[in-house]
Amino acid sequence: MASLQGKTLFITGASRGIGLAIALRAARDGANVAIAAKSAVPNPKLPGTIHSAADAVTAAGGQALALQCDIREEDQVRAAVAATVDTFGGIDILVNNASAIWLRGTLETPMKRFDLMQQVNSRGSFLCAQACLPHLLQAPNPHILTLAPPPSLDPKWWGPHTGYTLAKMGMSFVTLGLAAEFGPQGVAVNALWPRTIIATDAINMIPGVDSAGCRTPEILADAAHAVLTRQAAGFSGQFLLDDEVLAQAGITDLGRYAVDPSRPLLPDLFLD
């Protein structure tokens, strides 16, 4: 499989979970990784900081830049992108991983929580792309990869948690628009989504989700690696699923990604 050696990735929400797994997979190739996340000090509920992630990236063989960055704040995003370019000389890949979740109905969704999801998910993905694109357009094989589901207007995904679905589908529609605008300019703009729920610290905080029926973040890390090492030209506007990406790469035995191989897997949201 092709390598990300020497490539510079700007990954949002990379202090833990899926973002960190993608960072570590790239680091094993010898990539440069800008870790853009809010967590600069340890949180007992959500372990992992930009500093612990940077240490892990370095230990895995990559170069790391820890950036405390709230992607709701335009000035912070632009400063983080500028610091990445100053440190590594450019940006080859943007991974829009940061996301906020609240799986409640309309009457149980405070507007503060609604606003947070819209600001982080769709607006944050748009802002990070806007800030990175001038540099991506100068890169030899530029990619934007967003952790977002295939767009769907099926009411069964909207009724139970309109606020979250709107925010997550917002990331999908941002992907669709950016792909149409920048795909013809040679930027691969695509989305990646898991077939099953992924066991992360954030998911473990949601009542009723049994992590034994989940897969580990490494499945998305390996799938993301397969996407990001592809030729960017002509590869845009795709809504990819992790298991299908891995099958195309010749990986069909997914048992090693299961938290508990003896348990049935829990399907993720937004997939029929």
Protein backbone atom coordinates (compact mmCIF):
# COMPACT_ATOMS: atom_id res chain seq x y z
CA MET A 1 0.00 0.00 0.00
CA ALA A 2 1.20 3.52 -0.77
CA SER A 3 2.68 5.66 1.99
CA LEU A 4 1.97 9.01 3.63
CA GLN A 5 5.65 9.55 4.36
CA GLY A 6 6.51 13.23 4.34
CA LYS A 7 2.86 14.29 3.92
CA THR A 8 1.39 16.90 6.27
CA LEU A 9 -2.03 16.17 7.76
CA PHE A 10 -4.18 18.70 9.62
CA ILE A 11 -6.57 16.60 11.73
CA THR A 12 -9.33 18.11 13.86
CA GLY A 13 -10.35 16.38 17.07
CA ALA A 14 -7.15 14.33 16.99
CA SER A 15 -6.50 14.23 20.73
CA ARG A 16 -8.40 10.94 21.11
CA GLY A 17 -10.61 8.38 19.41
CA ILE A 18 -10.92 8.19 15.65
CA GLY A 19 -8.88 11.32 15.01
CA LEU A 20 -5.97 10.01 17.07
CA ALA A 21 -6.15 6.61 15.37
CA ILE A 22 -5.93 8.27 11.94
CA ALA A 23 -3.00 10.35 13.18
CA LEU A 24 -1.14 7.31 14.48
CA ARG A 25 -1.66 5.38 11.23
CA ALA A 26 -0.19 8.28 9.28
CA ALA A 27 2.64 8.62 11.81
CA ARG A 28 3.72 5.03 11.19
CA ASP A 29 4.45 6.10 7.61
CA GLY A 30 6.55 9.02 8.82
CA ALA A 31 3.93 11.73 8.21
CA ASN A 32 3.74 15.18 9.76
CA VAL A 33 0.59 15.54 11.85
CA ALA A 34 -0.97 18.76 13.12
CA ILE A 35 -3.20 17.80 16.05
CA ALA A 36 -5.92 20.45 16.24
CA ALA A 37 -8.18 19.97 19.25
CA LYS A 38 -9.51 21.78 22.32
CA SER A 39 -8.13 19.43 24.96
CA ALA A 40 -4.88 20.85 26.33
CA VAL A 41 -5.31 19.58 29.90
CA PRO A 42 -6.45 16.11 31.03
CA ASN A 43 -10.17 15.52 31.52
CA PRO A 44 -11.14 12.62 33.82
CA LYS A 45 -14.20 11.86 31.68
CA LEU A 46 -12.43 12.04 28.30
CA PRO A 47 -8.77 11.02 28.48
CA GLY A 48 -6.29 12.38 25.96
CA THR A 49 -4.90 15.82 25.17
CA ILE A 50 -3.15 17.43 22.22
CA HIS A 51 0.11 16.86 24.10
CA SER A 52 -0.40 13.16 24.81
CA ALA A 53 -1.50 12.71 21.19
CA ALA A 54 1.63 14.50 19.96
CA ASP A 55 3.80 12.24 22.10
CA ALA A 56 2.05 9.17 20.66
CA VAL A 57 2.50 10.43 17.09
CA THR A 58 6.21 11.00 17.69
CA ALA A 59 6.59 7.57 19.29
CA ALA A 60 4.89 6.02 16.25
CA GLY A 61 7.45 7.56 13.91
CA GLY A 62 5.84 10.80 12.80
CA GLN A 63 6.42 14.49 13.38
CA ALA A 64 3.79 16.16 15.57
CA LEU A 65 2.50 19.67 16.19
CA ALA A 66 0.12 20.11 19.12
CA LEU A 67 -2.37 22.92 18.44
CA GLN A 68 -5.00 23.97 20.95
CA CYS A 69 -7.80 24.96 18.61
CA ASP A 70 -11.56 25.35 18.97
CA ILE A 71 -12.81 25.00 15.40
CA ARG A 72 -15.79 27.21 16.22
CA GLU A 73 -13.35 30.13 16.43
CA GLU A 74 -12.19 31.45 13.06
CA ASP A 75 -9.10 33.18 14.42
CA GLN A 76 -7.96 30.00 16.17
CA VAL A 77 -8.41 27.90 13.04
CA ARG A 78 -6.53 30.32 10.83
CA ALA A 79 -3.72 30.59 13.39
CA ALA A 80 -3.48 26.79 13.65
CA VAL A 81 -3.31 26.43 9.87
CA ALA A 82 -0.64 29.14 9.68
CA ALA A 83 1.39 27.42 12.40
CA THR A 84 1.16 24.12 10.52
CA VAL A 85 2.42 25.71 7.30
CA ASP A 86 5.20 27.52 9.17
CA THR A 87 6.31 24.27 10.81
CA PHE A 88 5.97 21.78 7.96
CA GLY A 89 6.00 23.96 4.85
CA GLY A 90 2.46 23.25 3.64
CA ILE A 91 -0.63 21.08 4.08
CA ASP A 92 -1.39 17.99 1.98
CA ILE A 93 -4.42 16.61 3.77
CA LEU A 94 -7.28 17.93 5.90
CA VAL A 95 -9.21 15.43 8.01
CA ASN A 96 -12.46 16.89 9.36
CA ASN A 97 -12.97 14.55 12.28
CA ALA A 98 -14.13 16.85 15.10
CA SER A 99 -17.83 16.48 15.82
CA ALA A 100 -20.37 17.15 18.55
CA ILE A 101 -23.21 14.72 19.29
CA TRP A 102 -26.54 14.92 21.17
CA LEU A 103 -29.00 12.12 20.46
CA ARG A 104 -32.17 13.62 21.87
CA GLY A 105 -35.49 14.82 20.53
CA THR A 106 -36.49 18.40 19.90
CA LEU A 107 -37.96 19.09 23.35
CA GLU A 108 -34.89 17.58 25.04
CA THR A 109 -32.34 19.58 23.02
CA PRO A 110 -31.21 22.84 24.65
CA MET A 111 -30.43 25.51 22.08
CA LYS A 112 -26.91 25.76 23.49
CA ARG A 113 -26.38 22.12 22.53
CA PHE A 114 -28.06 22.63 19.13
CA ASP A 115 -25.79 25.59 18.39
CA LEU A 116 -22.69 23.67 19.47
CA MET A 117 -23.43 20.85 17.03
CA GLN A 118 -24.03 23.17 14.08
CA GLN A 119 -20.95 25.27 14.86
CA VAL A 120 -18.59 22.32 15.29
CA ASN A 121 -19.92 19.92 12.67
CA SER A 122 -20.94 21.68 9.48
CA ARG A 123 -19.58 25.19 10.12
CA GLY A 124 -16.32 23.85 11.56
CA SER A 125 -15.77 21.55 8.58
CA PHE A 126 -16.43 24.43 6.18
CA LEU A 127 -14.13 26.79 8.06
CA CYS A 128 -11.26 24.31 8.26
CA ALA A 129 -11.59 23.60 4.55
CA GLN A 130 -11.67 27.31 3.74
CA ALA A 131 -8.51 27.90 5.79
CA CYS A 132 -6.62 24.88 4.39
CA LEU A 133 -7.63 25.08 0.73
CA PRO A 134 -5.14 27.77 -0.35
CA HIS A 135 -2.39 25.38 0.79
CA LEU A 136 -4.09 22.21 -0.46
CA LEU A 137 -4.36 23.71 -3.92
CA GLN A 138 -0.56 23.93 -3.96
CA ALA A 139 -0.05 20.35 -2.78
CA PRO A 140 0.83 17.56 -5.24
CA ASN A 141 -1.93 15.15 -4.12
CA PRO A 142 -4.40 17.07 -1.92
CA HIS A 143 -7.20 15.45 0.04
CA ILE A 144 -10.04 16.59 2.27
CA LEU A 145 -11.60 13.68 4.14
CA THR A 146 -14.61 14.32 6.38
CA LEU A 147 -16.11 11.85 8.84
CA ALA A 148 -19.68 12.16 7.61
CA PRO A 149 -22.45 9.81 6.45
CA PRO A 150 -23.99 9.43 3.00
CA PRO A 151 -26.61 12.20 2.65
CA SER A 152 -30.12 11.03 3.44
CA LEU A 153 -33.53 12.67 3.68
CA ASP A 154 -35.13 9.54 5.15
CA PRO A 155 -37.36 10.75 8.02
CA LYS A 156 -36.31 7.81 10.20
CA TRP A 157 -32.94 9.51 10.70
CA TRP A 158 -34.41 12.95 11.30
CA GLY A 159 -37.32 12.32 13.64
CA PRO A 160 -35.42 10.94 16.67
CA HIS A 161 -32.73 13.67 16.83
CA THR A 162 -33.30 16.44 14.32
CA GLY A 163 -30.55 18.66 15.73
CA TYR A 164 -27.80 16.06 15.45
CA THR A 165 -28.93 14.77 12.07
CA LEU A 166 -28.98 18.31 10.72
CA ALA A 167 -25.44 18.91 11.99
CA LYS A 168 -24.06 15.62 10.70
CA MET A 169 -25.78 15.81 7.34
CA GLY A 170 -24.49 19.37 7.19
CA MET A 171 -20.99 17.90 7.07
CA SER A 172 -22.12 15.63 4.25
CA PHE A 173 -23.56 18.51 2.22
CA VAL A 174 -20.42 20.60 2.82
CA THR A 175 -18.49 17.64 1.38
CA LEU A 176 -20.81 17.52 -1.63
CA GLY A 177 -20.40 21.22 -2.32
CA LEU A 178 -16.64 21.36 -1.85
CA ALA A 179 -16.22 18.31 -4.08
CA ALA A 180 -18.18 19.99 -6.85
CA GLU A 181 -16.17 23.21 -6.46
CA PHE A 182 -12.66 21.87 -5.92
CA GLY A 183 -12.71 18.35 -7.38
CA PRO A 184 -12.21 19.79 -10.88
CA GLN A 185 -9.15 21.61 -9.48
CA GLY A 186 -7.57 18.33 -8.42
CA VAL A 187 -8.56 18.21 -4.74
CA ALA A 188 -10.04 14.90 -3.58
CA VAL A 189 -12.96 15.88 -1.33
CA ASN A 190 -14.65 12.81 0.13
CA ALA A 191 -16.45 11.50 3.21
CA LEU A 192 -15.87 8.35 5.24
CA TRP A 193 -18.35 6.66 7.58
CA PRO A 194 -18.27 3.44 9.64
CA ARG A 195 -20.56 0.51 8.96
CA THR A 196 -20.77 -0.15 12.71
CA ILE A 197 -20.57 1.96 15.84
CA ILE A 198 -16.97 2.71 16.79
CA ALA A 199 -15.83 2.27 20.39
CA THR A 200 -14.58 5.68 21.51
CA ASP A 201 -14.56 7.41 24.88
CA ALA A 202 -17.26 9.77 23.61
CA ILE A 203 -19.53 6.90 22.54
CA ASN A 204 -18.98 5.19 25.89
CA MET A 205 -20.58 8.22 27.55
CA ILE A 206 -23.85 7.68 25.66
CA PRO A 207 -26.30 5.57 27.71
CA GLY A 208 -27.43 2.33 26.14
CA VAL A 209 -24.46 1.76 23.84
CA ASP A 210 -22.58 -1.46 24.63
CA SER A 211 -19.02 -1.07 23.38
CA ALA A 212 -18.72 -4.88 23.15
CA GLY A 213 -20.76 -4.65 19.95
CA CYS A 214 -18.50 -2.01 18.42
CA ARG A 215 -15.39 -1.96 16.27
CA THR A 216 -12.23 -0.14 17.27
CA PRO A 217 -11.15 3.20 15.75
CA GLU A 218 -8.34 1.39 13.91
CA ILE A 219 -10.78 0.26 11.21
CA LEU A 220 -11.42 3.87 10.26
CA ALA A 221 -7.72 4.67 10.53
CA ASP A 222 -6.86 1.93 8.05
CA ALA A 223 -9.72 2.93 5.76
CA ALA A 224 -8.70 6.59 5.91
CA HIS A 225 -5.12 5.61 5.05
CA ALA A 226 -6.35 3.70 2.00
CA VAL A 227 -8.34 6.75 0.87
CA LEU A 228 -5.63 9.33 1.53
CA THR A 229 -2.96 7.42 -0.38
CA ARG A 230 -5.07 7.34 -3.53
CA GLN A 231 -4.49 9.62 -6.50
CA ALA A 232 -6.53 12.75 -5.79
CA ALA A 233 -7.26 13.73 -9.39
CA GLY A 234 -10.65 12.43 -10.47
CA PHE A 235 -11.46 11.06 -7.00
CA SER A 236 -13.97 13.40 -5.37
CA GLY A 237 -17.53 13.56 -4.11
CA GLN A 238 -17.54 9.98 -2.79
CA PHE A 239 -19.37 8.88 0.37
CA LEU A 240 -17.28 5.91 1.42
CA LEU A 241 -17.92 3.17 3.99
CA ASP A 242 -15.01 1.77 5.96
CA ASP A 243 -15.55 -1.92 5.17
CA GLU A 244 -16.03 -1.26 1.46
CA VAL A 245 -12.83 0.82 1.29
CA LEU A 246 -10.88 -1.95 3.01
CA ALA A 247 -12.36 -4.61 0.71
CA GLN A 248 -11.16 -2.60 -2.29
CA ALA A 249 -7.72 -2.56 -0.65
CA GLY A 250 -7.80 -6.35 -0.30
CA ILE A 251 -8.67 -6.45 3.42
CA THR A 252 -11.77 -8.57 3.96
CA ASP A 253 -11.11 -10.19 7.34
CA LEU A 254 -12.34 -7.51 9.72
CA GLY A 255 -12.39 -9.65 12.84
CA ARG A 256 -9.37 -7.94 14.33
CA TYR A 257 -11.29 -4.67 14.55
CA ALA A 258 -14.08 -6.08 16.75
CA VAL A 259 -13.99 -5.15 20.43
CA ASP A 260 -15.53 -8.55 21.20
CA PRO A 261 -15.60 -10.89 18.17
CA SER A 262 -18.21 -13.07 19.87
CA ARG A 263 -20.79 -10.27 19.98
CA PRO A 264 -23.02 -9.11 17.12
CA LEU A 265 -21.98 -5.75 15.71
CA LEU A 266 -24.12 -2.65 16.24
CA PRO A 267 -24.87 -0.81 12.97
CA ASP A 268 -24.05 2.88 12.93
CA LEU A 269 -26.61 5.62 12.34
CA PHE A 270 -27.65 6.82 8.89
CA LEU A 271 -27.10 3.50 7.09
CA ASP A 272 -29.85 1.25 5.77
